[in-house]
Amino acid sequence: MAAHWKNSHEVFVLVLRRHGLAPDAIDDVARAWSAFQEFVQVPVDGIEPAEDDGDGFIVQWGRWSWNDDRPALVFTVSAMWRAIPVGSALRLERAD
């Protein structure tokens, strides 16, 4: 069953919880990655088709000053939402 892009945050939160993760305090990269792999299998309505890059995800990791130089894993949906920092508040925002 597809989720509308506006509801995808709630879908991702449910998937994270199903993997035993608290969305606002993710501390297990392996479980976060498993949750993300499950989440990307959910069809999303209201985005551009794949041939127009509407299905792109970017995964980044590293240390950034905005995260007190702690290790971070960031999932970004190409051209749709802002980055989701793992290990801090989970939030999807339209990137218009």
Protein backbone atom coordinates (compact mmCIF):
# COMPACT_ATOMS: atom_id res chain seq x y z
CA MET A 1 0.00 0.00 0.00
CA ALA A 2 1.37 3.42 -0.99
CA ALA A 3 1.81 6.34 1.38
CA HIS A 4 1.32 9.95 0.36
CA TRP A 5 4.54 11.96 0.69
CA LYS A 6 2.92 14.17 3.36
CA ASN A 7 2.35 11.05 5.51
CA SER A 8 5.72 9.45 4.86
CA HIS A 9 7.13 10.83 8.13
CA GLU A 10 4.55 8.86 10.09
CA VAL A 11 5.29 5.76 8.03
CA PHE A 12 9.03 6.08 8.71
CA VAL A 13 8.39 6.59 12.44
CA LEU A 14 6.29 3.39 12.52
CA VAL A 15 9.05 1.48 10.72
CA LEU A 16 11.69 2.81 13.12
CA ARG A 17 9.59 1.79 16.13
CA ARG A 18 9.00 -1.65 14.61
CA HIS A 19 12.80 -1.98 14.58
CA GLY A 20 12.98 -1.00 18.25
CA LEU A 21 14.21 2.55 17.62
CA ALA A 22 13.00 5.80 19.17
CA PRO A 23 12.71 8.32 16.32
CA ASP A 24 14.19 11.16 18.37
CA ALA A 25 17.15 9.20 19.76
CA ILE A 26 18.47 6.65 17.27
CA ASP A 27 21.57 5.00 18.61
CA ASP A 28 21.93 1.82 16.55
CA VAL A 29 23.14 2.34 12.99
CA ALA A 30 22.52 -1.28 11.93
CA ARG A 31 18.89 -1.18 13.03
CA ALA A 32 18.46 2.30 11.53
CA TRP A 33 19.79 1.02 8.22
CA SER A 34 17.43 -1.99 8.35
CA ALA A 35 14.51 0.35 9.05
CA PHE A 36 15.54 2.59 6.16
CA GLN A 37 15.78 -0.41 3.81
CA GLU A 38 12.24 -1.37 4.79
CA PHE A 39 10.98 2.20 4.43
CA VAL A 40 12.32 2.67 0.89
CA GLN A 41 10.25 -0.32 -0.23
CA VAL A 42 7.03 1.61 0.52
CA PRO A 43 5.64 3.24 -2.62
CA VAL A 44 5.18 7.00 -2.16
CA ASP A 45 2.40 8.91 -3.90
CA GLY A 46 2.65 12.57 -4.88
CA ILE A 47 6.25 12.67 -6.11
CA GLU A 48 7.76 12.81 -9.54
CA PRO A 49 8.21 9.47 -11.36
CA ALA A 50 11.55 7.65 -11.15
CA GLU A 51 12.59 8.75 -14.64
CA ASP A 52 12.42 12.37 -13.37
CA ASP A 53 14.54 11.56 -10.30
CA GLY A 54 11.51 11.56 -8.03
CA ASP A 55 12.62 8.45 -6.18
CA GLY A 56 16.17 9.43 -5.21
CA PHE A 57 17.63 8.91 -1.76
CA ILE A 58 20.98 10.18 -0.57
CA VAL A 59 22.72 8.58 2.41
CA GLN A 60 25.57 10.49 4.04
CA TRP A 61 27.65 9.91 7.14
CA GLY A 62 30.34 11.83 8.95
CA ARG A 63 30.82 14.40 11.67
CA TRP A 64 29.41 17.92 11.43
CA SER A 65 29.67 20.97 13.66
CA TRP A 66 25.86 21.22 13.85
CA ASN A 67 25.91 17.83 15.56
CA ASP A 68 28.74 18.66 18.03
CA ASP A 69 31.12 16.66 15.80
CA ARG A 70 29.45 13.42 16.83
CA PRO A 71 29.16 10.66 14.21
CA ALA A 72 25.94 11.00 12.24
CA LEU A 73 24.07 9.12 9.54
CA VAL A 74 21.78 11.29 7.38
CA PHE A 75 19.07 10.11 5.00
CA THR A 76 18.00 12.68 2.39
CA VAL A 77 15.24 12.33 -0.16
CA SER A 78 16.36 13.94 -3.38
CA ALA A 79 14.59 17.24 -4.08
CA MET A 80 11.63 16.46 -1.84
CA TRP A 81 12.56 16.76 1.84
CA ARG A 82 15.36 18.09 3.98
CA ALA A 83 17.89 15.74 5.58
CA ILE A 84 16.86 13.52 8.49
CA PRO A 85 19.66 13.47 11.06
CA VAL A 86 19.80 10.12 12.82
CA GLY A 87 20.45 10.52 16.52
CA SER A 88 18.55 13.78 16.87
CA ALA A 89 14.97 14.86 16.27
CA LEU A 90 13.43 13.03 13.33
CA ARG A 91 11.57 15.33 11.04
CA LEU A 92 10.71 15.49 7.36
CA GLU A 93 10.13 18.95 5.92
CA ARG A 94 9.15 19.95 2.44
CA ALA A 95 12.23 21.52 0.83
CA ASP A 96 10.39 23.91 -1.52
